[in-house]
Amino acid sequence: MDVRQIMKQAQEMQKRVAALQEELARREVTATSGGGQVTVVMNGKHELRSLTIKPEAVDPGDVEFLQDLVLSAINEAVRQVDAMMEKEMGALTGGLSLPDIRLPGMGG
């Protein structure tokens, strides 16, 4: 295989990865904690899109409990986004690890 062919394949892969990144950035995941007392929605760029707290989760005498529920829901959403990204990118690249690929806003 000549170098031009390899470069062409690499450019095509780069285009497919960029298109997938854009698609994944628009997808959203929903995570809950406390049996549904706290719900967060996060997009594929790890941006928090919404936070819902049911009134029964709000106890002025136990703010730490509510804080824990919020943190738990957000962390679960982050895990779901990461798993979605890994699954979709793995399917596109055939399991080839491409560690330098990052979505805008994800650091990098």
PDB file of N, CA and C in Angstrom:
ATOM      1  N   MET A   1       0.848  -1.180   0.000  1.00  0.00           N
ATOM      2  CA  MET A   1       0.000   0.000   0.000  1.00  0.00           C
ATOM      3  C   MET A   1       0.889   1.238   0.000  1.00  0.00           C
ATOM      4  N   ASP A   2       0.583   2.189  -0.882  1.00  0.00           N
ATOM      5  CA  ASP A   2       1.447   3.368  -0.939  1.00  0.00           C
ATOM      6  C   ASP A   2       0.995   4.438   0.054  1.00  0.00           C
ATOM      7  N   VAL A   3       1.853   5.399   0.261  1.00  0.00           N
ATOM      8  CA  VAL A   3       1.635   6.444   1.253  1.00  0.00           C
ATOM      9  C   VAL A   3       0.401   7.280   0.908  1.00  0.00           C
ATOM     10  N   ARG A   4       0.172   7.537  -0.377  1.00  0.00           N
ATOM     11  CA  ARG A   4      -1.000   8.333  -0.776  1.00  0.00           C
ATOM     12  C   ARG A   4      -2.303   7.643  -0.388  1.00  0.00           C
ATOM     13  N   GLN A   5      -2.328   6.339  -0.551  1.00  0.00           N
ATOM     14  CA  GLN A   5      -3.515   5.576  -0.191  1.00  0.00           C
ATOM     15  C   GLN A   5      -3.747   5.628   1.326  1.00  0.00           C
ATOM     16  N   ILE A   6      -2.687   5.484   2.077  1.00  0.00           N
ATOM     17  CA  ILE A   6      -2.784   5.558   3.541  1.00  0.00           C
ATOM     18  C   ILE A   6      -3.267   6.940   3.968  1.00  0.00           C
ATOM     19  N   MET A   7      -2.732   7.989   3.353  1.00  0.00           N
ATOM     20  CA  MET A   7      -3.138   9.356   3.695  1.00  0.00           C
ATOM     21  C   MET A   7      -4.608   9.591   3.347  1.00  0.00           C
ATOM     22  N   LYS A   8      -5.047   9.063   2.224  1.00  0.00           N
ATOM     23  CA  LYS A   8      -6.443   9.214   1.821  1.00  0.00           C
ATOM     24  C   LYS A   8      -7.356   8.520   2.834  1.00  0.00           C
ATOM     25  N   GLN A   9      -6.982   7.319   3.247  1.00  0.00           N
ATOM     26  CA  GLN A   9      -7.777   6.595   4.241  1.00  0.00           C
ATOM     27  C   GLN A   9      -7.805   7.344   5.565  1.00  0.00           C
ATOM     28  N   ALA A  10      -6.677   7.903   5.957  1.00  0.00           N
ATOM     29  CA  ALA A  10      -6.602   8.659   7.209  1.00  0.00           C
ATOM     30  C   ALA A  10      -7.499   9.893   7.140  1.00  0.00           C
ATOM     31  N   GLN A  11      -7.531  10.569   5.996  1.00  0.00           N
ATOM     32  CA  GLN A  11      -8.383  11.750   5.840  1.00  0.00           C
ATOM     33  C   GLN A  11      -9.860  11.369   5.891  1.00  0.00           C
ATOM     34  N   GLU A  12     -10.209  10.247   5.273  1.00  0.00           N
ATOM     35  CA  GLU A  12     -11.588   9.781   5.317  1.00  0.00           C
ATOM     36  C   GLU A  12     -11.996   9.433   6.751  1.00  0.00           C
ATOM     37  N   MET A  13     -11.116   8.773   7.469  1.00  0.00           N
ATOM     38  CA  MET A  13     -11.391   8.434   8.866  1.00  0.00           C
ATOM     39  C   MET A  13     -11.570   9.709   9.680  1.00  0.00           C
ATOM     40  N   GLN A  14     -10.731  10.696   9.436  1.00  0.00           N
ATOM     41  CA  GLN A  14     -10.821  11.961  10.156  1.00  0.00           C
ATOM     42  C   GLN A  14     -12.175  12.626   9.904  1.00  0.00           C
ATOM     43  N   LYS A  15     -12.662  12.592   8.671  1.00  0.00           N
ATOM     44  CA  LYS A  15     -13.967  13.170   8.350  1.00  0.00           C
ATOM     45  C   LYS A  15     -15.090  12.427   9.064  1.00  0.00           C
ATOM     46  N   ARG A  16     -15.000  11.095   9.087  1.00  0.00           N
ATOM     47  CA  ARG A  16     -16.037  10.313   9.760  1.00  0.00           C
ATOM     48  C   ARG A  16     -16.035  10.566  11.258  1.00  0.00           C
ATOM     49  N   VAL A  17     -14.843  10.671  11.838  1.00  0.00           N
ATOM     50  CA  VAL A  17     -14.731  10.945  13.278  1.00  0.00           C
ATOM     51  C   VAL A  17     -15.306  12.318  13.594  1.00  0.00           C
ATOM     52  N   ALA A  18     -14.997  13.320  12.783  1.00  0.00           N
ATOM     53  CA  ALA A  18     -15.516  14.673  13.018  1.00  0.00           C
ATOM     54  C   ALA A  18     -17.040  14.690  12.937  1.00  0.00           C
ATOM     55  N   ALA A  19     -17.599  13.996  11.963  1.00  0.00           N
ATOM     56  CA  ALA A  19     -19.059  13.943  11.829  1.00  0.00           C
ATOM     57  C   ALA A  19     -19.691  13.248  13.037  1.00  0.00           C
ATOM     58  N   LEU A  20     -19.063  12.163  13.497  1.00  0.00           N
ATOM     59  CA  LEU A  20     -19.585  11.450  14.663  1.00  0.00           C
ATOM     60  C   LEU A  20     -19.488  12.314  15.913  1.00  0.00           C
ATOM     61  N   GLN A  21     -18.402  13.046  16.049  1.00  0.00           N
ATOM     62  CA  GLN A  21     -18.247  13.928  17.205  1.00  0.00           C
ATOM     63  C   GLN A  21     -19.359  14.971  17.248  1.00  0.00           C
ATOM     64  N   GLU A  22     -19.687  15.526  16.099  1.00  0.00           N
ATOM     65  CA  GLU A  22     -20.764  16.511  16.048  1.00  0.00           C
ATOM     66  C   GLU A  22     -22.096  15.879  16.447  1.00  0.00           C
ATOM     67  N   GLU A  23     -22.349  14.684  15.934  1.00  0.00           N
ATOM     68  CA  GLU A  23     -23.591  13.993  16.276  1.00  0.00           C
ATOM     69  C   GLU A  23     -23.657  13.691  17.767  1.00  0.00           C
ATOM     70  N   LEU A  24     -22.576  13.172  18.328  1.00  0.00           N
ATOM     71  CA  LEU A  24     -22.565  12.814  19.747  1.00  0.00           C
ATOM     72  C   LEU A  24     -22.696  14.047  20.638  1.00  0.00           C
ATOM     73  N   ALA A  25     -22.172  15.169  20.198  1.00  0.00           N
ATOM     74  CA  ALA A  25     -22.279  16.400  20.980  1.00  0.00           C
ATOM     75  C   ALA A  25     -23.737  16.813  21.139  1.00  0.00           C
ATOM     76  N   ARG A  26     -24.585  16.461  20.172  1.00  0.00           N
ATOM     77  CA  ARG A  26     -26.008  16.822  20.227  1.00  0.00           C
ATOM     78  C   ARG A  26     -26.834  15.819  21.023  1.00  0.00           C
ATOM     79  N   ARG A  27     -26.327  14.637  21.229  1.00  0.00           N
ATOM     80  CA  ARG A  27     -27.089  13.628  21.987  1.00  0.00           C
ATOM     81  C   ARG A  27     -27.130  14.002  23.460  1.00  0.00           C
ATOM     82  N   GLU A  28     -28.172  13.509  24.133  1.00  0.00           N
ATOM     83  CA  GLU A  28     -28.307  13.773  25.561  1.00  0.00           C
ATOM     84  C   GLU A  28     -28.503  12.466  26.323  1.00  0.00           C
ATOM     85  N   VAL A  29     -28.019  12.460  27.550  1.00  0.00           N
ATOM     86  CA  VAL A  29     -28.257  11.343  28.459  1.00  0.00           C
ATOM     87  C   VAL A  29     -28.985  11.892  29.676  1.00  0.00           C
ATOM     88  N   THR A  30     -29.743  11.019  30.326  1.00  0.00           N
ATOM     89  CA  THR A  30     -30.466  11.389  31.538  1.00  0.00           C
ATOM     90  C   THR A  30     -30.032  10.454  32.654  1.00  0.00           C
ATOM     91  N   ALA A  31     -29.714  11.027  33.802  1.00  0.00           N
ATOM     92  CA  ALA A  31     -29.310  10.229  34.959  1.00  0.00           C
ATOM     93  C   ALA A  31     -30.086  10.708  36.177  1.00  0.00           C
ATOM     94  N   THR A  32     -30.386   9.757  37.061  1.00  0.00           N
ATOM     95  CA  THR A  32     -31.123  10.094  38.274  1.00  0.00           C
ATOM     96  C   THR A  32     -30.389   9.560  39.493  1.00  0.00           C
ATOM     97  N   SER A  33     -30.772  10.085  40.644  1.00  0.00           N
ATOM     98  CA  SER A  33     -30.273   9.552  41.913  1.00  0.00           C
ATOM     99  C   SER A  33     -31.383   9.685  42.945  1.00  0.00           C
ATOM    100  N   GLY A  34     -31.204   8.969  44.038  1.00  0.00           N
ATOM    101  CA  GLY A  34     -32.191   9.024  45.113  1.00  0.00           C
ATOM    102  C   GLY A  34     -33.560   8.532  44.683  1.00  0.00           C
ATOM    103  N   GLY A  35     -33.561   7.497  43.851  1.00  0.00           N
ATOM    104  CA  GLY A  35     -34.838   6.958  43.398  1.00  0.00           C
ATOM    105  C   GLY A  35     -35.638   7.946  42.562  1.00  0.00           C
ATOM    106  N   GLY A  36     -34.952   8.792  41.823  1.00  0.00           N
ATOM    107  CA  GLY A  36     -35.622   9.755  40.963  1.00  0.00           C
ATOM    108  C   GLY A  36     -35.836  11.114  41.603  1.00  0.00           C
ATOM    109  N   GLN A  37     -35.294  11.313  42.799  1.00  0.00           N
ATOM    110  CA  GLN A  37     -35.454  12.613  43.462  1.00  0.00           C
ATOM    111  C   GLN A  37     -34.680  13.715  42.739  1.00  0.00           C
ATOM    112  N   VAL A  38     -33.555  13.346  42.119  1.00  0.00           N
ATOM    113  CA  VAL A  38     -32.752  14.300  41.358  1.00  0.00           C
ATOM    114  C   VAL A  38     -32.536  13.715  39.973  1.00  0.00           C
ATOM    115  N   THR A  39     -32.781  14.529  38.946  1.00  0.00           N
ATOM    116  CA  THR A  39     -32.592  14.114  37.566  1.00  0.00           C
ATOM    117  C   THR A  39     -31.769  15.168  36.841  1.00  0.00           C
ATOM    118  N   VAL A  40     -30.754  14.722  36.112  1.00  0.00           N
ATOM    119  CA  VAL A  40     -29.954  15.631  35.307  1.00  0.00           C
ATOM    120  C   VAL A  40     -29.965  15.144  33.862  1.00  0.00           C
ATOM    121  N   VAL A  41     -29.884  16.099  32.955  1.00  0.00           N
ATOM    122  CA  VAL A  41     -29.738  15.814  31.532  1.00  0.00           C
ATOM    123  C   VAL A  41     -28.449  16.489  31.091  1.00  0.00           C
ATOM    124  N   MET A  42     -27.597  15.706  30.408  1.00  0.00           N
ATOM    125  CA  MET A  42     -26.295  16.201  29.977  1.00  0.00           C
ATOM    126  C   MET A  42     -26.124  15.862  28.504  1.00  0.00           C
ATOM    127  N   ASN A  43     -25.490  16.776  27.757  1.00  0.00           N
ATOM    128  CA  ASN A  43     -25.247  16.483  26.354  1.00  0.00           C
ATOM    129  C   ASN A  43     -23.872  15.831  26.171  1.00  0.00           C
ATOM    130  N   GLY A  44     -23.575  15.477  24.933  1.00  0.00           N
ATOM    131  CA  GLY A  44     -22.326  14.784  24.625  1.00  0.00           C
ATOM    132  C   GLY A  44     -21.073  15.620  24.789  1.00  0.00           C
ATOM    133  N   LYS A  45     -21.236  16.909  25.072  1.00  0.00           N
ATOM    134  CA  LYS A  45     -20.086  17.771  25.359  1.00  0.00           C
ATOM    135  C   LYS A  45     -19.903  17.960  26.857  1.00  0.00           C
ATOM    136  N   HIS A  46     -20.588  17.118  27.643  1.00  0.00           N
ATOM    137  CA  HIS A  46     -20.542  17.182  29.105  1.00  0.00           C
ATOM    138  C   HIS A  46     -21.118  18.493  29.646  1.00  0.00           C
ATOM    139  N   GLU A  47     -22.041  19.096  28.898  1.00  0.00           N
ATOM    140  CA  GLU A  47     -22.716  20.292  29.384  1.00  0.00           C
ATOM    141  C   GLU A  47     -24.012  19.871  30.064  1.00  0.00           C
ATOM    142  N   LEU A  48     -24.227  20.355  31.257  1.00  0.00           N
ATOM    143  CA  LEU A  48     -25.452  20.064  31.987  1.00  0.00           C
ATOM    144  C   LEU A  48     -26.577  20.862  31.345  1.00  0.00           C
ATOM    145  N   ARG A  49     -27.591  20.167  30.841  1.00  0.00           N
ATOM    146  CA  ARG A  49     -28.695  20.825  30.128  1.00  0.00           C
ATOM    147  C   ARG A  49     -29.871  21.105  31.048  1.00  0.00           C
ATOM    148  N   SER A  50     -30.090  20.240  32.035  1.00  0.00           N
ATOM    149  CA  SER A  50     -31.164  20.511  32.992  1.00  0.00           C
ATOM    150  C   SER A  50     -30.896  19.775  34.293  1.00  0.00           C
ATOM    151  N   LEU A  51     -31.475  20.308  35.349  1.00  0.00           N
ATOM    152  CA  LEU A  51     -31.391  19.728  36.683  1.00  0.00           C
ATOM    153  C   LEU A  51     -32.770  19.843  37.303  1.00  0.00           C
ATOM    154  N   THR A  52     -33.339  18.708  37.689  1.00  0.00           N
ATOM    155  CA  THR A  52     -34.653  18.694  38.320  1.00  0.00           C
ATOM    156  C   THR A  52     -34.522  18.080  39.708  1.00  0.00           C
ATOM    157  N   ILE A  53     -35.045  18.789  40.701  1.00  0.00           N
ATOM    158  CA  ILE A  53     -35.016  18.310  42.084  1.00  0.00           C
ATOM    159  C   ILE A  53     -36.462  18.261  42.569  1.00  0.00           C
ATOM    160  N   LYS A  54     -36.898  17.074  42.975  1.00  0.00           N
ATOM    161  CA  LYS A  54     -38.261  16.945  43.504  1.00  0.00           C
ATOM    162  C   LYS A  54     -38.324  17.604  44.888  1.00  0.00           C
ATOM    163  N   PRO A  55     -39.447  18.216  45.203  1.00  0.00           N
ATOM    164  CA  PRO A  55     -39.584  18.923  46.487  1.00  0.00           C
ATOM    165  C   PRO A  55     -39.254  18.063  47.699  1.00  0.00           C
ATOM    166  N   GLU A  56     -39.599  16.775  47.662  1.00  0.00           N
ATOM    167  CA  GLU A  56     -39.329  15.925  48.823  1.00  0.00           C
ATOM    168  C   GLU A  56     -37.835  15.715  49.082  1.00  0.00           C
ATOM    169  N   ALA A  57     -36.998  16.057  48.110  1.00  0.00           N
ATOM    170  CA  ALA A  57     -35.549  15.928  48.300  1.00  0.00           C
ATOM    171  C   ALA A  57     -34.972  17.124  49.044  1.00  0.00           C
ATOM    172  N   VAL A  58     -35.762  18.183  49.176  1.00  0.00           N
ATOM    173  CA  VAL A  58     -35.278  19.411  49.802  1.00  0.00           C
ATOM    174  C   VAL A  58     -35.643  19.397  51.289  1.00  0.00           C
ATOM    175  N   ASP A  59     -34.632  19.190  52.114  1.00  0.00           N
ATOM    176  CA  ASP A  59     -34.790  19.204  53.568  1.00  0.00           C
ATOM    177  C   ASP A  59     -33.770  20.200  54.115  1.00  0.00           C
ATOM    178  N   PRO A  60     -34.219  21.371  54.545  1.00  0.00           N
ATOM    179  CA  PRO A  60     -33.267  22.378  55.042  1.00  0.00           C
ATOM    180  C   PRO A  60     -32.372  21.854  56.159  1.00  0.00           C
ATOM    181  N   GLY A  61     -32.816  20.836  56.865  1.00  0.00           N
ATOM    182  CA  GLY A  61     -32.013  20.281  57.947  1.00  0.00           C
ATOM    183  C   GLY A  61     -30.967  19.281  57.474  1.00  0.00           C
ATOM    184  N   ASP A  62     -31.003  18.923  56.181  1.00  0.00           N
ATOM    185  CA  ASP A  62     -30.047  17.937  55.659  1.00  0.00           C
ATOM    186  C   ASP A  62     -29.628  18.312  54.238  1.00  0.00           C
ATOM    187  N   VAL A  63     -28.992  19.459  54.125  1.00  0.00           N
ATOM    188  CA  VAL A  63     -28.538  19.960  52.828  1.00  0.00           C
ATOM    189  C   VAL A  63     -27.488  19.021  52.229  1.00  0.00           C
ATOM    190  N   GLU A  64     -26.676  18.406  53.060  1.00  0.00           N
ATOM    191  CA  GLU A  64     -25.634  17.507  52.560  1.00  0.00           C
ATOM    192  C   GLU A  64     -26.228  16.344  51.767  1.00  0.00           C
ATOM    193  N   PHE A  65     -27.378  15.840  52.192  1.00  0.00           N
ATOM    194  CA  PHE A  65     -28.030  14.753  51.476  1.00  0.00           C
ATOM    195  C   PHE A  65     -28.394  15.195  50.056  1.00  0.00           C
ATOM    196  N   LEU A  66     -28.961  16.378  49.923  1.00  0.00           N
ATOM    197  CA  LEU A  66     -29.312  16.901  48.607  1.00  0.00           C
ATOM    198  C   LEU A  66     -28.070  17.114  47.758  1.00  0.00           C
ATOM    199  N   GLN A  67     -27.036  17.640  48.355  1.00  0.00           N
ATOM    200  CA  GLN A  67     -25.780  17.837  47.618  1.00  0.00           C
ATOM    201  C   GLN A  67     -25.243  16.505  47.104  1.00  0.00           C
ATOM    202  N   ASP A  68     -25.302  15.486  47.933  1.00  0.00           N
ATOM    203  CA  ASP A  68     -24.848  14.159  47.511  1.00  0.00           C
ATOM    204  C   ASP A  68     -25.681  13.616  46.354  1.00  0.00           C
ATOM    205  N   LEU A  69     -26.999  13.828  46.417  1.00  0.00           N
ATOM    206  CA  LEU A  69     -27.869  13.367  45.326  1.00  0.00           C
ATOM    207  C   LEU A  69     -27.527  14.070  44.015  1.00  0.00           C
ATOM    208  N   VAL A  70     -27.302  15.375  44.084  1.00  0.00           N
ATOM    209  CA  VAL A  70     -26.966  16.137  42.877  1.00  0.00           C
ATOM    210  C   VAL A  70     -25.629  15.662  42.305  1.00  0.00           C
ATOM    211  N   LEU A  71     -24.639  15.533  43.157  1.00  0.00           N
ATOM    212  CA  LEU A  71     -23.324  15.062  42.701  1.00  0.00           C
ATOM    213  C   LEU A  71     -23.422  13.663  42.088  1.00  0.00           C
ATOM    214  N   SER A  72     -24.167  12.798  42.717  1.00  0.00           N
ATOM    215  CA  SER A  72     -24.316  11.435  42.225  1.00  0.00           C
ATOM    216  C   SER A  72     -24.960  11.412  40.842  1.00  0.00           C
ATOM    217  N   ALA A  73     -26.012  12.199  40.654  1.00  0.00           N
ATOM    218  CA  ALA A  73     -26.689  12.239  39.357  1.00  0.00           C
ATOM    219  C   ALA A  73     -25.770  12.811  38.277  1.00  0.00           C
ATOM    220  N   ILE A  74     -25.047  13.863  38.598  1.00  0.00           N
ATOM    221  CA  ILE A  74     -24.127  14.461  37.617  1.00  0.00           C
ATOM    222  C   ILE A  74     -23.018  13.480  37.260  1.00  0.00           C
ATOM    223  N   ASN A  75     -22.428  12.840  38.264  1.00  0.00           N
ATOM    224  CA  ASN A  75     -21.359  11.880  37.987  1.00  0.00           C
ATOM    225  C   ASN A  75     -21.847  10.708  37.143  1.00  0.00           C
ATOM    226  N   GLU A  76     -23.075  10.257  37.379  1.00  0.00           N
ATOM    227  CA  GLU A  76     -23.637   9.179  36.570  1.00  0.00           C
ATOM    228  C   GLU A  76     -23.832   9.637  35.129  1.00  0.00           C
ATOM    229  N   ALA A  77     -24.281  10.869  34.944  1.00  0.00           N
ATOM    230  CA  ALA A  77     -24.451  11.398  33.587  1.00  0.00           C
ATOM    231  C   ALA A  77     -23.105  11.469  32.867  1.00  0.00           C
ATOM    232  N   VAL A  78     -22.065  11.891  33.572  1.00  0.00           N
ATOM    233  CA  VAL A  78     -20.724  11.939  32.974  1.00  0.00           C
ATOM    234  C   VAL A  78     -20.294  10.534  32.551  1.00  0.00           C
ATOM    235  N   ARG A  79     -20.525   9.541  33.401  1.00  0.00           N
ATOM    236  CA  ARG A  79     -20.179   8.159  33.053  1.00  0.00           C
ATOM    237  C   ARG A  79     -20.945   7.697  31.814  1.00  0.00           C
ATOM    238  N   GLN A  80     -22.227   8.063  31.737  1.00  0.00           N
ATOM    239  CA  GLN A  80     -23.027   7.654  30.588  1.00  0.00           C
ATOM    240  C   GLN A  80     -22.535   8.307  29.293  1.00  0.00           C
ATOM    241  N   VAL A  81     -22.184   9.593  29.360  1.00  0.00           N
ATOM    242  CA  VAL A  81     -21.650  10.280  28.180  1.00  0.00           C
ATOM    243  C   VAL A  81     -20.337   9.633  27.756  1.00  0.00           C
ATOM    244  N   ASP A  82     -19.450   9.377  28.708  1.00  0.00           N
ATOM    245  CA  ASP A  82     -18.165   8.753  28.384  1.00  0.00           C
ATOM    246  C   ASP A  82     -18.362   7.376  27.757  1.00  0.00           C
ATOM    247  N   ALA A  83     -19.291   6.586  28.300  1.00  0.00           N
ATOM    248  CA  ALA A  83     -19.554   5.255  27.750  1.00  0.00           C
ATOM    249  C   ALA A  83     -20.128   5.360  26.338  1.00  0.00           C
ATOM    250  N   MET A  84     -21.012   6.325  26.114  1.00  0.00           N
ATOM    251  CA  MET A  84     -21.587   6.539  24.788  1.00  0.00           C
ATOM    252  C   MET A  84     -20.496   6.899  23.793  1.00  0.00           C
ATOM    253  N   MET A  85     -19.614   7.803  24.180  1.00  0.00           N
ATOM    254  CA  MET A  85     -18.522   8.226  23.305  1.00  0.00           C
ATOM    255  C   MET A  85     -17.599   7.049  22.986  1.00  0.00           C
ATOM    256  N   GLU A  86     -17.231   6.298  24.011  1.00  0.00           N
ATOM    257  CA  GLU A  86     -16.325   5.166  23.821  1.00  0.00           C
ATOM    258  C   GLU A  86     -16.952   4.120  22.896  1.00  0.00           C
ATOM    259  N   LYS A  87     -18.218   3.824  23.111  1.00  0.00           N
ATOM    260  CA  LYS A  87     -18.904   2.821  22.295  1.00  0.00           C
ATOM    261  C   LYS A  87     -18.979   3.255  20.837  1.00  0.00           C
ATOM    262  N   GLU A  88     -19.426   4.480  20.603  1.00  0.00           N
ATOM    263  CA  GLU A  88     -19.610   4.954  19.231  1.00  0.00           C
ATOM    264  C   GLU A  88     -18.280   5.143  18.511  1.00  0.00           C
ATOM    265  N   MET A  89     -17.308   5.698  19.192  1.00  0.00           N
ATOM    266  CA  MET A  89     -15.992   5.884  18.562  1.00  0.00           C
ATOM    267  C   MET A  89     -15.336   4.530  18.315  1.00  0.00           C
ATOM    268  N   GLY A  90     -15.505   3.593  19.251  1.00  0.00           N
ATOM    269  CA  GLY A  90     -14.948   2.254  19.067  1.00  0.00           C
ATOM    270  C   GLY A  90     -15.557   1.560  17.873  1.00  0.00           C
ATOM    271  N   ALA A  91     -16.858   1.753  17.671  1.00  0.00           N
ATOM    272  CA  ALA A  91     -17.520   1.149  16.521  1.00  0.00           C
ATOM    273  C   ALA A  91     -16.995   1.761  15.225  1.00  0.00           C
ATOM    274  N   LEU A  92     -16.754   3.050  15.230  1.00  0.00           N
ATOM    275  CA  LEU A  92     -16.265   3.731  14.033  1.00  0.00           C
ATOM    276  C   LEU A  92     -14.829   3.357  13.707  1.00  0.00           C
ATOM    277  N   THR A  93     -13.995   3.270  14.727  1.00  0.00           N
ATOM    278  CA  THR A  93     -12.568   3.031  14.498  1.00  0.00           C
ATOM    279  C   THR A  93     -12.195   1.558  14.567  1.00  0.00           C
ATOM    280  N   GLY A  94     -13.182   0.708  14.756  1.00  0.00           N
ATOM    281  CA  GLY A  94     -12.896  -0.723  14.840  1.00  0.00           C
ATOM    282  C   GLY A  94     -12.083  -1.085  16.065  1.00  0.00           C
ATOM    283  N   GLY A  95     -12.261  -0.311  17.143  1.00  0.00           N
ATOM    284  CA  GLY A  95     -11.548  -0.585  18.385  1.00  0.00           C
ATOM    285  C   GLY A  95     -10.178   0.056  18.441  1.00  0.00           C
ATOM    286  N   LEU A  96      -9.761   0.724  17.369  1.00  0.00           N
ATOM    287  CA  LEU A  96      -8.472   1.404  17.357  1.00  0.00           C
ATOM    288  C   LEU A  96      -8.531   2.574  18.316  1.00  0.00           C
ATOM    289  N   SER A  97      -7.604   2.652  19.224  1.00  0.00           N
ATOM    290  CA  SER A  97      -7.585   3.729  20.208  1.00  0.00           C
ATOM    291  C   SER A  97      -7.043   4.993  19.564  1.00  0.00           C
ATOM    292  N   LEU A  98      -7.822   6.070  19.665  1.00  0.00           N
ATOM    293  CA  LEU A  98      -7.401   7.367  19.149  1.00  0.00           C
ATOM    294  C   LEU A  98      -7.441   8.369  20.289  1.00  0.00           C
ATOM    295  N   PRO A  99      -6.430   8.349  21.148  1.00  0.00           N
ATOM    296  CA  PRO A  99      -6.483   9.140  22.386  1.00  0.00           C
ATOM    297  C   PRO A  99      -6.501  10.635  22.201  1.00  0.00           C
ATOM    298  N   ASP A 100      -6.099  11.148  21.053  1.00  0.00           N
ATOM    299  CA  ASP A 100      -6.046  12.595  20.874  1.00  0.00           C
ATOM    300  C   ASP A 100      -7.351  13.181  20.371  1.00  0.00           C
ATOM    301  N   ILE A 101      -8.375  12.362  20.189  1.00  0.00           N
ATOM    302  CA  ILE A 101      -9.649  12.863  19.708  1.00  0.00           C
ATOM    303  C   ILE A 101     -10.440  13.372  20.898  1.00  0.00           C
ATOM    304  N   ARG A 102     -10.826  14.645  20.828  1.00  0.00           N
ATOM    305  CA  ARG A 102     -11.590  15.252  21.902  1.00  0.00           C
ATOM    306  C   ARG A 102     -12.675  16.123  21.291  1.00  0.00           C
ATOM    307  N   LEU A 103     -13.791  16.188  21.978  1.00  0.00           N
ATOM    308  CA  LEU A 103     -14.841  17.109  21.570  1.00  0.00           C
ATOM    309  C   LEU A 103     -14.467  18.505  22.034  1.00  0.00           C
ATOM    310  N   PRO A 104     -14.917  19.508  21.299  1.00  0.00           N
ATOM    311  CA  PRO A 104     -14.693  20.875  21.784  1.00  0.00           C
ATOM    312  C   PRO A 104     -15.307  21.020  23.172  1.00  0.00           C
ATOM    313  N   GLY A 105     -14.608  21.688  24.051  1.00  0.00           N
ATOM    314  CA  GLY A 105     -15.120  21.902  25.390  1.00  0.00           C
ATOM    315  C   GLY A 105     -14.784  20.789  26.360  1.00  0.00           C
ATOM    316  N   MET A 106     -14.080  19.734  25.898  1.00  0.00           N
ATOM    317  CA  MET A 106     -13.749  18.609  26.776  1.00  0.00           C
ATOM    318  C   MET A 106     -12.315  18.712  27.277  1.00  0.00           C
ATOM    319  N   GLY A 107     -11.687  19.826  27.078  1.00  0.00           N
ATOM    320  CA  GLY A 107     -10.285  19.914  27.454  1.00  0.00           C
ATOM    321  C   GLY A 107      -9.468  19.244  26.378  1.00  0.00           C
ATOM    322  N   GLY A 108      -8.225  19.473  26.345  1.00  0.00           N
ATOM    323  CA  GLY A 108      -7.510  18.748  25.327  1.00  0.00           C
ATOM    324  C   GLY A 108      -6.548  19.510  24.615  1.00  0.00           C
TER     325      GLY A 108
END
